[in-house]
Amino acid sequence: MLACFYYRLLKFREAPKEQKASEYWIIGKLVNTHIVGHLLALGAGALIVTNLIIAHPANCDPAGISRTVNQWYYGISRISF
């Protein structure tokens, strides 16, 4: 799905202005609204804070962490880094 969206985004960038408004109106709204950028920045900030909180016990005592902390560490922290 992301590859398809990226392909359409590339086509959106190459298209003339008239075609952008008629054919790619959803991408046009996403690109031109400021709330999308703010939501992405908020999500990135939340991931940074979450990574700092989740990785702390694993970095302090790697052998002594519980399975739950280990699952959260590998599930979220490793992917988002």
C-alpha atoms as a PDB file:
ATOM      1  CA  MET A   1       0.000   0.000   0.000  1.00  0.00           C
ATOM      2  CA  LEU A   2       2.801   2.407   0.824  1.00  0.00           C
ATOM      3  CA  ALA A   3       4.558   1.639  -2.441  1.00  0.00           C
ATOM      4  CA  CYS A   4       1.335   2.317  -4.352  1.00  0.00           C
ATOM      5  CA  PHE A   5       0.862   5.583  -2.449  1.00  0.00           C
ATOM      6  CA  TYR A   6       4.463   6.592  -3.167  1.00  0.00           C
ATOM      7  CA  TYR A   7       3.998   5.839  -6.869  1.00  0.00           C
ATOM      8  CA  ARG A   8       0.878   8.021  -6.938  1.00  0.00           C
ATOM      9  CA  LEU A   9       2.748  10.754  -5.056  1.00  0.00           C
ATOM     10  CA  LEU A  10       5.448  10.747  -7.725  1.00  0.00           C
ATOM     11  CA  LYS A  11       2.785  10.981 -10.431  1.00  0.00           C
ATOM     12  CA  PHE A  12       1.166  13.832  -8.460  1.00  0.00           C
ATOM     13  CA  ARG A  13       4.430  15.777  -8.479  1.00  0.00           C
ATOM     14  CA  GLU A  14       4.879  15.349 -12.231  1.00  0.00           C
ATOM     15  CA  ALA A  15       1.277  16.189 -13.174  1.00  0.00           C
ATOM     16  CA  PRO A  16       0.222  19.652 -14.373  1.00  0.00           C
ATOM     17  CA  LYS A  17      -1.763  21.823 -11.974  1.00  0.00           C
ATOM     18  CA  GLU A  18      -5.149  21.155 -13.607  1.00  0.00           C
ATOM     19  CA  GLN A  19      -4.656  17.401 -13.423  1.00  0.00           C
ATOM     20  CA  LYS A  20      -3.566  17.569  -9.779  1.00  0.00           C
ATOM     21  CA  ALA A  21      -6.859  19.113  -8.730  1.00  0.00           C
ATOM     22  CA  SER A  22      -9.037  16.654 -10.639  1.00  0.00           C
ATOM     23  CA  GLU A  23      -7.163  13.328 -10.508  1.00  0.00           C
ATOM     24  CA  TYR A  24      -5.097  13.499  -7.316  1.00  0.00           C
ATOM     25  CA  TRP A  25      -7.344  15.533  -5.029  1.00  0.00           C
ATOM     26  CA  ILE A  26      -6.754  13.340  -1.942  1.00  0.00           C
ATOM     27  CA  ILE A  27      -2.970  13.622  -2.211  1.00  0.00           C
ATOM     28  CA  GLY A  28      -3.361  17.342  -2.901  1.00  0.00           C
ATOM     29  CA  LYS A  29      -5.288  17.789   0.333  1.00  0.00           C
ATOM     30  CA  LEU A  30      -2.710  15.773   2.291  1.00  0.00           C
ATOM     31  CA  VAL A  31       0.193  17.756   0.864  1.00  0.00           C
ATOM     32  CA  ASN A  32      -1.391  21.178   1.291  1.00  0.00           C
ATOM     33  CA  THR A  33      -2.884  20.896   4.800  1.00  0.00           C
ATOM     34  CA  HIS A  34      -0.734  21.795   7.772  1.00  0.00           C
ATOM     35  CA  ILE A  35      -2.464  19.437  10.196  1.00  0.00           C
ATOM     36  CA  VAL A  36      -0.887  16.400   8.499  1.00  0.00           C
ATOM     37  CA  GLY A  37       2.599  17.752   9.157  1.00  0.00           C
ATOM     38  CA  HIS A  38       1.728  18.576  12.750  1.00  0.00           C
ATOM     39  CA  LEU A  39       0.330  15.080  13.317  1.00  0.00           C
ATOM     40  CA  LEU A  40       3.454  13.480  11.821  1.00  0.00           C
ATOM     41  CA  ALA A  41       5.700  15.626  14.015  1.00  0.00           C
ATOM     42  CA  LEU A  42       3.619  14.786  17.091  1.00  0.00           C
ATOM     43  CA  GLY A  43       3.828  11.075  16.277  1.00  0.00           C
ATOM     44  CA  ALA A  44       7.597  11.289  15.786  1.00  0.00           C
ATOM     45  CA  GLY A  45       7.995  13.106  19.104  1.00  0.00           C
ATOM     46  CA  ALA A  46       5.879  10.467  20.833  1.00  0.00           C
ATOM     47  CA  LEU A  47       8.057   7.710  19.341  1.00  0.00           C
ATOM     48  CA  ILE A  48      11.219   9.425  20.581  1.00  0.00           C
ATOM     49  CA  VAL A  49       9.857   9.743  24.129  1.00  0.00           C
ATOM     50  CA  THR A  50       8.552   6.156  24.031  1.00  0.00           C
ATOM     51  CA  ASN A  51      11.950   4.905  22.877  1.00  0.00           C
ATOM     52  CA  LEU A  52      13.646   6.671  25.757  1.00  0.00           C
ATOM     53  CA  ILE A  53      11.231   5.188  28.300  1.00  0.00           C
ATOM     54  CA  ILE A  54      11.163   1.629  26.907  1.00  0.00           C
ATOM     55  CA  ALA A  55      14.893   1.319  26.271  1.00  0.00           C
ATOM     56  CA  HIS A  56      15.947   2.548  29.741  1.00  0.00           C
ATOM     57  CA  PRO A  57      15.469  -0.739  31.677  1.00  0.00           C
ATOM     58  CA  ALA A  58      16.960  -2.746  28.820  1.00  0.00           C
ATOM     59  CA  ASN A  59      20.049  -0.529  28.745  1.00  0.00           C
ATOM     60  CA  CYS A  60      20.513  -0.496  32.535  1.00  0.00           C
ATOM     61  CA  ASP A  61      20.283  -4.253  33.097  1.00  0.00           C
ATOM     62  CA  PRO A  62      20.009  -6.231  29.854  1.00  0.00           C
ATOM     63  CA  ALA A  63      20.003  -9.637  31.555  1.00  0.00           C
ATOM     64  CA  GLY A  64      17.469  -8.744  34.229  1.00  0.00           C
ATOM     65  CA  ILE A  65      14.551  -7.355  32.234  1.00  0.00           C
ATOM     66  CA  SER A  66      11.189  -9.118  32.140  1.00  0.00           C
ATOM     67  CA  ARG A  67       9.681 -10.717  29.063  1.00  0.00           C
ATOM     68  CA  THR A  68       7.120  -7.929  28.788  1.00  0.00           C
ATOM     69  CA  VAL A  69       9.780  -5.217  28.690  1.00  0.00           C
ATOM     70  CA  ASN A  70      11.772  -7.300  26.214  1.00  0.00           C
ATOM     71  CA  GLN A  71       8.728  -7.655  23.941  1.00  0.00           C
ATOM     72  CA  TRP A  72       8.025  -3.917  24.044  1.00  0.00           C
ATOM     73  CA  TYR A  73      11.686  -3.148  23.444  1.00  0.00           C
ATOM     74  CA  TYR A  74      11.962  -5.330  20.355  1.00  0.00           C
ATOM     75  CA  GLY A  75       8.423  -4.589  19.165  1.00  0.00           C
ATOM     76  CA  ILE A  76       8.545  -0.801  19.240  1.00  0.00           C
ATOM     77  CA  SER A  77      12.011   0.447  20.002  1.00  0.00           C
ATOM     78  CA  ARG A  78      13.973  -1.534  17.455  1.00  0.00           C
ATOM     79  CA  ILE A  79      11.519  -0.846  14.621  1.00  0.00           C
ATOM     80  CA  SER A  80      11.249   2.891  15.239  1.00  0.00           C
ATOM     81  CA  PHE A  81      14.993   3.451  15.511  1.00  0.00           C
END
